[in-house]
C-alpha atoms as a PDB file:
ATOM      1  CA  MET A   1     296.372  28.296 -57.975  1.00  0.00           C
ATOM      2  CA  VAL A   2     296.525  31.938 -59.003  1.00  0.00           C
ATOM      3  CA  LYS A   3     299.976  33.481 -58.726  1.00  0.00           C
ATOM      4  CA  GLU A   4     300.079  36.838 -57.013  1.00  0.00           C
ATOM      5  CA  LYS A   5     302.846  39.111 -55.811  1.00  0.00           C
ATOM      6  CA  LYS A   6     302.532  41.455 -52.841  1.00  0.00           C
ATOM      7  CA  TYR A   7     304.323  44.773 -52.628  1.00  0.00           C
ATOM      8  CA  ARG A   8     304.432  46.494 -49.236  1.00  0.00           C
ATOM      9  CA  SER A   9     304.218  50.265 -49.197  1.00  0.00           C
ATOM     10  CA  LYS A  10     307.364  52.272 -48.689  1.00  0.00           C
ATOM     11  CA  ILE A  11     307.046  54.459 -45.577  1.00  0.00           C
ATOM     12  CA  SER A  12     308.592  57.907 -45.703  1.00  0.00           C
ATOM     13  CA  GLY A  13     310.361  59.328 -42.678  1.00  0.00           C
ATOM     14  CA  ILE A  14     307.926  62.235 -42.436  1.00  0.00           C
ATOM     15  CA  TYR A  15     304.964  59.845 -42.111  1.00  0.00           C
ATOM     16  CA  ALA A  16     306.697  57.981 -39.283  1.00  0.00           C
ATOM     17  CA  ILE A  17     307.623  61.239 -37.525  1.00  0.00           C
ATOM     18  CA  VAL A  18     304.042  62.535 -37.755  1.00  0.00           C
ATOM     19  CA  ALA A  19     302.739  59.228 -36.327  1.00  0.00           C
ATOM     20  CA  ILE A  20     305.150  59.431 -33.378  1.00  0.00           C
ATOM     21  CA  VAL A  21     304.422  63.120 -32.691  1.00  0.00           C
ATOM     22  CA  ILE A  22     300.650  62.588 -32.698  1.00  0.00           C
ATOM     23  CA  ALA A  23     300.959  59.539 -30.415  1.00  0.00           C
ATOM     24  CA  THR A  24     303.170  61.551 -28.043  1.00  0.00           C
ATOM     25  CA  ILE A  25     300.671  64.420 -27.948  1.00  0.00           C
ATOM     26  CA  ILE A  26     297.749  62.073 -27.235  1.00  0.00           C
ATOM     27  CA  ILE A  27     299.578  60.153 -24.487  1.00  0.00           C
ATOM     28  CA  GLY A  28     301.266  63.220 -22.995  1.00  0.00           C
ATOM     29  CA  SER A  29     298.126  65.289 -22.782  1.00  0.00           C
ATOM     30  CA  PHE A  30     296.219  62.378 -21.227  1.00  0.00           C
ATOM     31  CA  ILE A  31     298.885  62.023 -18.525  1.00  0.00           C
ATOM     32  CA  CYS A  32     298.827  65.788 -17.837  1.00  0.00           C
ATOM     33  CA  ILE A  33     295.060  65.919 -17.330  1.00  0.00           C
ATOM     34  CA  PHE A  34     294.677  62.535 -15.657  1.00  0.00           C
ATOM     35  CA  GLU A  35     293.456  63.796 -12.301  1.00  0.00           C
ATOM     36  CA  LYS A  36     290.976  66.444 -13.415  1.00  0.00           C
ATOM     37  CA  GLU A  37     287.383  66.539 -12.220  1.00  0.00           C
ATOM     38  CA  ASP A  38     285.464  65.499 -15.329  1.00  0.00           C
ATOM     39  CA  MET A  39     287.292  62.214 -15.995  1.00  0.00           C
ATOM     40  CA  ILE A  40     284.418  60.501 -17.825  1.00  0.00           C
ATOM     41  CA  ALA A  41     284.261  63.169 -20.549  1.00  0.00           C
ATOM     42  CA  ILE A  42     288.052  63.248 -20.776  1.00  0.00           C
ATOM     43  CA  CYS A  43     288.250  59.455 -21.114  1.00  0.00           C
ATOM     44  CA  ILE A  44     285.557  59.441 -23.819  1.00  0.00           C
ATOM     45  CA  GLY A  45     287.426  62.180 -25.711  1.00  0.00           C
ATOM     46  CA  TYR A  46     290.710  60.312 -25.496  1.00  0.00           C
ATOM     47  CA  GLY A  47     289.012  57.057 -26.449  1.00  0.00           C
ATOM     48  CA  ILE A  48     287.726  58.715 -29.607  1.00  0.00           C
ATOM     49  CA  ALA A  49     291.193  60.193 -30.295  1.00  0.00           C
ATOM     50  CA  VAL A  50     292.814  56.756 -29.945  1.00  0.00           C
ATOM     51  CA  VAL A  51     290.290  55.133 -32.306  1.00  0.00           C
ATOM     52  CA  VAL A  52     290.782  57.878 -34.906  1.00  0.00           C
ATOM     53  CA  TYR A  53     294.581  57.582 -34.537  1.00  0.00           C
ATOM     54  CA  TYR A  54     294.368  53.820 -35.048  1.00  0.00           C
ATOM     55  CA  PHE A  55     292.267  54.016 -38.226  1.00  0.00           C
ATOM     56  CA  ALA A  56     294.050  57.065 -39.697  1.00  0.00           C
ATOM     57  CA  ILE A  57     297.688  56.280 -38.817  1.00  0.00           C
ATOM     58  CA  VAL A  58     298.352  52.797 -37.411  1.00  0.00           C
ATOM     59  CA  LEU A  59     296.153  50.662 -39.674  1.00  0.00           C
ATOM     60  CA  PRO A  60     297.569  52.151 -42.907  1.00  0.00           C
ATOM     61  CA  LEU A  61     301.110  51.625 -41.546  1.00  0.00           C
ATOM     62  CA  VAL A  62     300.591  47.901 -41.018  1.00  0.00           C
ATOM     63  CA  ASN A  63     298.069  47.185 -43.769  1.00  0.00           C
ATOM     64  CA  THR A  64     299.102  49.097 -46.922  1.00  0.00           C
ATOM     65  CA  VAL A  65     299.887  46.550 -49.604  1.00  0.00           C
ATOM     66  CA  TYR A  66     299.547  46.332 -53.389  1.00  0.00           C
ATOM     67  CA  ILE A  67     298.769  42.871 -54.746  1.00  0.00           C
ATOM     68  CA  VAL A  68     299.508  42.112 -58.392  1.00  0.00           C
ATOM     69  CA  ARG A  69     297.129  39.330 -59.415  1.00  0.00           C
ATOM     70  CA  SER A  70     296.723  37.628 -62.767  1.00  0.00           C
ATOM     71  CA  ASP A  71     293.751  39.798 -63.819  1.00  0.00           C
ATOM     72  CA  CYS A  72     293.850  42.884 -61.571  1.00  0.00           C
ATOM     73  CA  LEU A  73     295.774  45.068 -59.168  1.00  0.00           C
ATOM     74  CA  GLU A  74     294.393  45.025 -55.626  1.00  0.00           C
ATOM     75  CA  ILE A  75     295.133  47.990 -53.361  1.00  0.00           C
ATOM     76  CA  ARG A  76     294.708  47.815 -49.576  1.00  0.00           C
ATOM     77  CA  CYS A  77     295.357  50.757 -47.284  1.00  0.00           C
ATOM     78  CA  GLY A  78     293.733  50.694 -43.859  1.00  0.00           C
ATOM     79  CA  ILE A  79     290.040  50.089 -44.431  1.00  0.00           C
ATOM     80  CA  TYR A  80     290.322  51.190 -48.089  1.00  0.00           C
ATOM     81  CA  LYS A  81     290.266  48.403 -50.679  1.00  0.00           C
ATOM     82  CA  LYS A  82     290.228  48.793 -54.467  1.00  0.00           C
ATOM     83  CA  GLU A  83     290.638  46.435 -57.413  1.00  0.00           C
ATOM     84  CA  ILE A  84     291.668  47.753 -60.824  1.00  0.00           C
ATOM     85  CA  LEU A  85     291.466  45.409 -63.794  1.00  0.00           C
ATOM     86  CA  TYR A  86     294.468  45.599 -66.128  1.00  0.00           C
ATOM     87  CA  LYS A  87     292.128  46.212 -69.057  1.00  0.00           C
ATOM     88  CA  GLN A  88     291.052  49.465 -67.317  1.00  0.00           C
ATOM     89  CA  ILE A  89     294.614  50.838 -66.980  1.00  0.00           C
ATOM     90  CA  ASN A  90     295.665  53.436 -69.562  1.00  0.00           C
ATOM     91  CA  ASP A  91     299.070  54.557 -68.270  1.00  0.00           C
ATOM     92  CA  VAL A  92     301.573  54.050 -65.450  1.00  0.00           C
ATOM     93  CA  TYR A  93     304.255  56.573 -64.495  1.00  0.00           C
ATOM     94  CA  LYS A  94     306.494  57.558 -61.555  1.00  0.00           C
ATOM     95  CA  LYS A  95     306.239  60.941 -59.833  1.00  0.00           C
ATOM     96  CA  LYS A  96     307.046  62.542 -56.468  1.00  0.00           C
ATOM     97  CA  SER A  97     303.986  63.893 -54.699  1.00  0.00           C
ATOM     98  CA  ARG A  98     302.507  64.389 -51.240  1.00  0.00           C
ATOM     99  CA  GLU A  99     298.851  64.280 -52.257  1.00  0.00           C
ATOM    100  CA  ARG A 100     296.530  62.167 -50.128  1.00  0.00           C
ATOM    101  CA  GLN A 101     296.587  58.723 -51.715  1.00  0.00           C
ATOM    102  CA  PRO A 102     296.843  55.104 -50.499  1.00  0.00           C
ATOM    103  CA  ALA A 103     300.614  55.662 -50.377  1.00  0.00           C
ATOM    104  CA  LEU A 104     302.883  56.253 -47.381  1.00  0.00           C
ATOM    105  CA  SER A 105     305.799  57.807 -49.269  1.00  0.00           C
ATOM    106  CA  ASP A 106     306.203  60.718 -51.658  1.00  0.00           C
ATOM    107  CA  LYS A 107     307.968  58.525 -54.264  1.00  0.00           C
ATOM    108  CA  ARG A 108     304.973  57.162 -56.106  1.00  0.00           C
ATOM    109  CA  VAL A 109     303.624  55.343 -59.093  1.00  0.00           C
ATOM    110  CA  TYR A 110     300.538  56.902 -60.616  1.00  0.00           C
ATOM    111  CA  ILE A 111     298.072  54.729 -62.460  1.00  0.00           C
ATOM    112  CA  TYR A 112     295.580  56.255 -64.884  1.00  0.00           C
ATOM    113  CA  TYR A 113     292.551  54.039 -65.356  1.00  0.00           C
ATOM    114  CA  ASN A 114     288.931  54.073 -66.493  1.00  0.00           C
ATOM    115  CA  ASP A 115     286.251  53.045 -64.019  1.00  0.00           C
ATOM    116  CA  ARG A 116     282.762  52.798 -65.510  1.00  0.00           C
ATOM    117  CA  GLY A 117     283.519  55.494 -68.080  1.00  0.00           C
ATOM    118  CA  VAL A 118     285.202  57.871 -65.622  1.00  0.00           C
ATOM    119  CA  LYS A 119     288.939  58.569 -65.879  1.00  0.00           C
ATOM    120  CA  ASN A 120     290.698  58.235 -62.508  1.00  0.00           C
ATOM    121  CA  THR A 121     294.205  58.429 -61.121  1.00  0.00           C
ATOM    122  CA  ILE A 122     295.600  56.686 -58.072  1.00  0.00           C
ATOM    123  CA  GLY A 123     299.018  57.082 -56.469  1.00  0.00           C
ATOM    124  CA  LEU A 124     300.839  54.119 -54.896  1.00  0.00           C
ATOM    125  CA  SER A 125     304.221  53.827 -53.166  1.00  0.00           C
ATOM    126  CA  PRO A 126     305.574  50.269 -53.339  1.00  0.00           C
ATOM    127  CA  LYS A 127     309.003  49.561 -51.807  1.00  0.00           C
ATOM    128  CA  ASN A 128     310.329  48.035 -55.030  1.00  0.00           C
ATOM    129  CA  LEU A 129     309.122  50.827 -57.300  1.00  0.00           C
ATOM    130  CA  ASN A 130     310.867  49.741 -60.506  1.00  0.00           C
ATOM    131  CA  ASP A 131     309.883  46.063 -60.134  1.00  0.00           C
ATOM    132  CA  PHE A 132     306.286  47.077 -59.483  1.00  0.00           C
ATOM    133  CA  VAL A 133     306.095  49.378 -62.522  1.00  0.00           C
ATOM    134  CA  GLY A 134     307.701  46.714 -64.725  1.00  0.00           C
ATOM    135  CA  GLU A 135     305.283  44.044 -63.581  1.00  0.00           C
ATOM    136  CA  ILE A 136     302.215  46.268 -64.047  1.00  0.00           C
ATOM    137  CA  LYS A 137     303.356  47.319 -67.525  1.00  0.00           C
ATOM    138  CA  GLU A 138     303.964  43.665 -68.404  1.00  0.00           C
ATOM    139  CA  LYS A 139     300.446  42.723 -67.240  1.00  0.00           C
ATOM    140  CA  ILE A 140     298.952  45.608 -69.243  1.00  0.00           C
ATOM    141  CA  SER A 141     300.843  44.580 -72.405  1.00  0.00           C
ATOM    142  CA  ILE A 142     299.784  40.927 -71.986  1.00  0.00           C
ATOM    143  CA  TYR A 143     296.165  42.041 -71.700  1.00  0.00           C
ATOM    144  CA  ARG A 144     296.408  44.331 -74.745  1.00  0.00           C
ATOM    145  CA  VAL A 145     297.937  41.564 -76.878  1.00  0.00           C
ATOM    146  CA  SER A 146     295.288  39.037 -75.812  1.00  0.00           C
ATOM    147  CA  ALA A 147     292.479  41.576 -76.385  1.00  0.00           C
ATOM    148  CA  LYS A 148     293.368  41.993 -80.093  1.00  0.00           C
END
């Protein structure tokens, strides 16, 4: 059995506020226009808005998790899924940022890694930031020692 540890994403207050405001706007505007003449078009438009809201806001809220496995780091955020092998990771550091990443907080861990010869960076926001960084660095050092 392969041991793995899951880290849920930390959720910043601003992300939660934005989610509530958008939901309020969608629901409120639907209630205000409920008895207009062209209900089919309005319902289709609101159906599309609800689906977009679900995939862009709700699914990342309930599904963002970082899984530390024995050989790789797995990242899940909504429908996004990525695996990074420890042998690909060059550096790990903490930084505050609001860039669009699979992270729901501005307190993040950035991972520099190589993917098929291309240098990439990804930002993550685990709840237990220090534990996560320590575990990733430990996995990287174990790989580097075993690779020699």
